[in-house]
Amino acid sequence: MKHLSRLLAVVLTAFFVLPMMSGINVLAAGDVPINGSYFPDANFRSVVSS
């Protein structure tokens, strides 16, 4: 029973936390222009824009 409750806690935590983590990227997409003033690192800009 102790293992079952621990498993349930892990599954519920993942169920609530993982959608929040992916939602952060979705909210920022399209609102920030990818240019040198916002992202000064050229390597980062090339990865993000591709």
C-alpha atoms as a PDB file:
ATOM      1  CA  MET A   1       0.000   0.000   0.000  1.00  0.00           C
ATOM      2  CA  LYS A   2       2.886   2.347   0.772  1.00  0.00           C
ATOM      3  CA  HIS A   3       4.360   1.817  -2.691  1.00  0.00           C
ATOM      4  CA  LEU A   4       1.006   2.402  -4.328  1.00  0.00           C
ATOM      5  CA  SER A   5       0.518   5.738  -2.579  1.00  0.00           C
ATOM      6  CA  ARG A   6       4.036   6.823  -3.538  1.00  0.00           C
ATOM      7  CA  LEU A   7       3.402   5.867  -7.148  1.00  0.00           C
ATOM      8  CA  LEU A   8       0.126   7.766  -7.103  1.00  0.00           C
ATOM      9  CA  ALA A   9       1.878  10.842  -5.706  1.00  0.00           C
ATOM     10  CA  VAL A  10       4.512  10.719  -8.461  1.00  0.00           C
ATOM     11  CA  VAL A  11       1.919  10.295 -11.204  1.00  0.00           C
ATOM     12  CA  LEU A  12      -0.232  13.139  -9.905  1.00  0.00           C
ATOM     13  CA  THR A  13       2.773  15.415  -9.538  1.00  0.00           C
ATOM     14  CA  ALA A  14       3.827  14.701 -13.112  1.00  0.00           C
ATOM     15  CA  PHE A  15       0.245  15.229 -14.283  1.00  0.00           C
ATOM     16  CA  PHE A  16       0.109  18.730 -12.798  1.00  0.00           C
ATOM     17  CA  VAL A  17       3.707  19.887 -13.294  1.00  0.00           C
ATOM     18  CA  LEU A  18       4.485  18.768 -16.860  1.00  0.00           C
ATOM     19  CA  PRO A  19       1.718  20.784 -18.560  1.00  0.00           C
ATOM     20  CA  MET A  20       2.916  23.905 -16.767  1.00  0.00           C
ATOM     21  CA  MET A  21       6.441  23.432 -18.032  1.00  0.00           C
ATOM     22  CA  SER A  22       5.399  23.060 -21.642  1.00  0.00           C
ATOM     23  CA  GLY A  23       2.963  25.984 -21.356  1.00  0.00           C
ATOM     24  CA  ILE A  24       5.780  28.413 -20.655  1.00  0.00           C
ATOM     25  CA  ASN A  25       7.232  27.899 -24.113  1.00  0.00           C
ATOM     26  CA  VAL A  26       3.874  28.202 -25.810  1.00  0.00           C
ATOM     27  CA  LEU A  27       3.035  31.497 -24.142  1.00  0.00           C
ATOM     28  CA  ALA A  28       6.280  33.122 -25.262  1.00  0.00           C
ATOM     29  CA  ALA A  29       6.155  31.897 -28.862  1.00  0.00           C
ATOM     30  CA  GLY A  30       5.450  34.617 -31.389  1.00  0.00           C
ATOM     31  CA  ASP A  31       5.486  37.506 -28.919  1.00  0.00           C
ATOM     32  CA  VAL A  32       9.229  38.132 -28.845  1.00  0.00           C
ATOM     33  CA  PRO A  33      11.113  39.005 -32.023  1.00  0.00           C
ATOM     34  CA  ILE A  34      14.281  36.987 -32.489  1.00  0.00           C
ATOM     35  CA  ASN A  35      16.875  39.644 -33.183  1.00  0.00           C
ATOM     36  CA  GLY A  36      20.121  40.981 -31.757  1.00  0.00           C
ATOM     37  CA  SER A  37      18.507  43.376 -29.301  1.00  0.00           C
ATOM     38  CA  TYR A  38      16.543  40.673 -27.486  1.00  0.00           C
ATOM     39  CA  PHE A  39      18.997  37.799 -27.972  1.00  0.00           C
ATOM     40  CA  PRO A  40      22.587  39.009 -28.320  1.00  0.00           C
ATOM     41  CA  ASP A  41      24.042  35.503 -28.754  1.00  0.00           C
ATOM     42  CA  ALA A  42      24.166  34.638 -32.468  1.00  0.00           C
ATOM     43  CA  ASN A  43      24.392  30.890 -31.814  1.00  0.00           C
ATOM     44  CA  PHE A  44      21.272  30.985 -29.661  1.00  0.00           C
ATOM     45  CA  ARG A  45      19.374  32.968 -32.304  1.00  0.00           C
ATOM     46  CA  SER A  46      20.283  30.439 -34.987  1.00  0.00           C
ATOM     47  CA  VAL A  47      19.032  27.544 -32.833  1.00  0.00           C
ATOM     48  CA  VAL A  48      15.811  29.281 -31.824  1.00  0.00           C
ATOM     49  CA  SER A  49      14.937  30.534 -35.284  1.00  0.00           C
ATOM     50  CA  SER A  50      15.418  27.156 -36.985  1.00  0.00           C
END
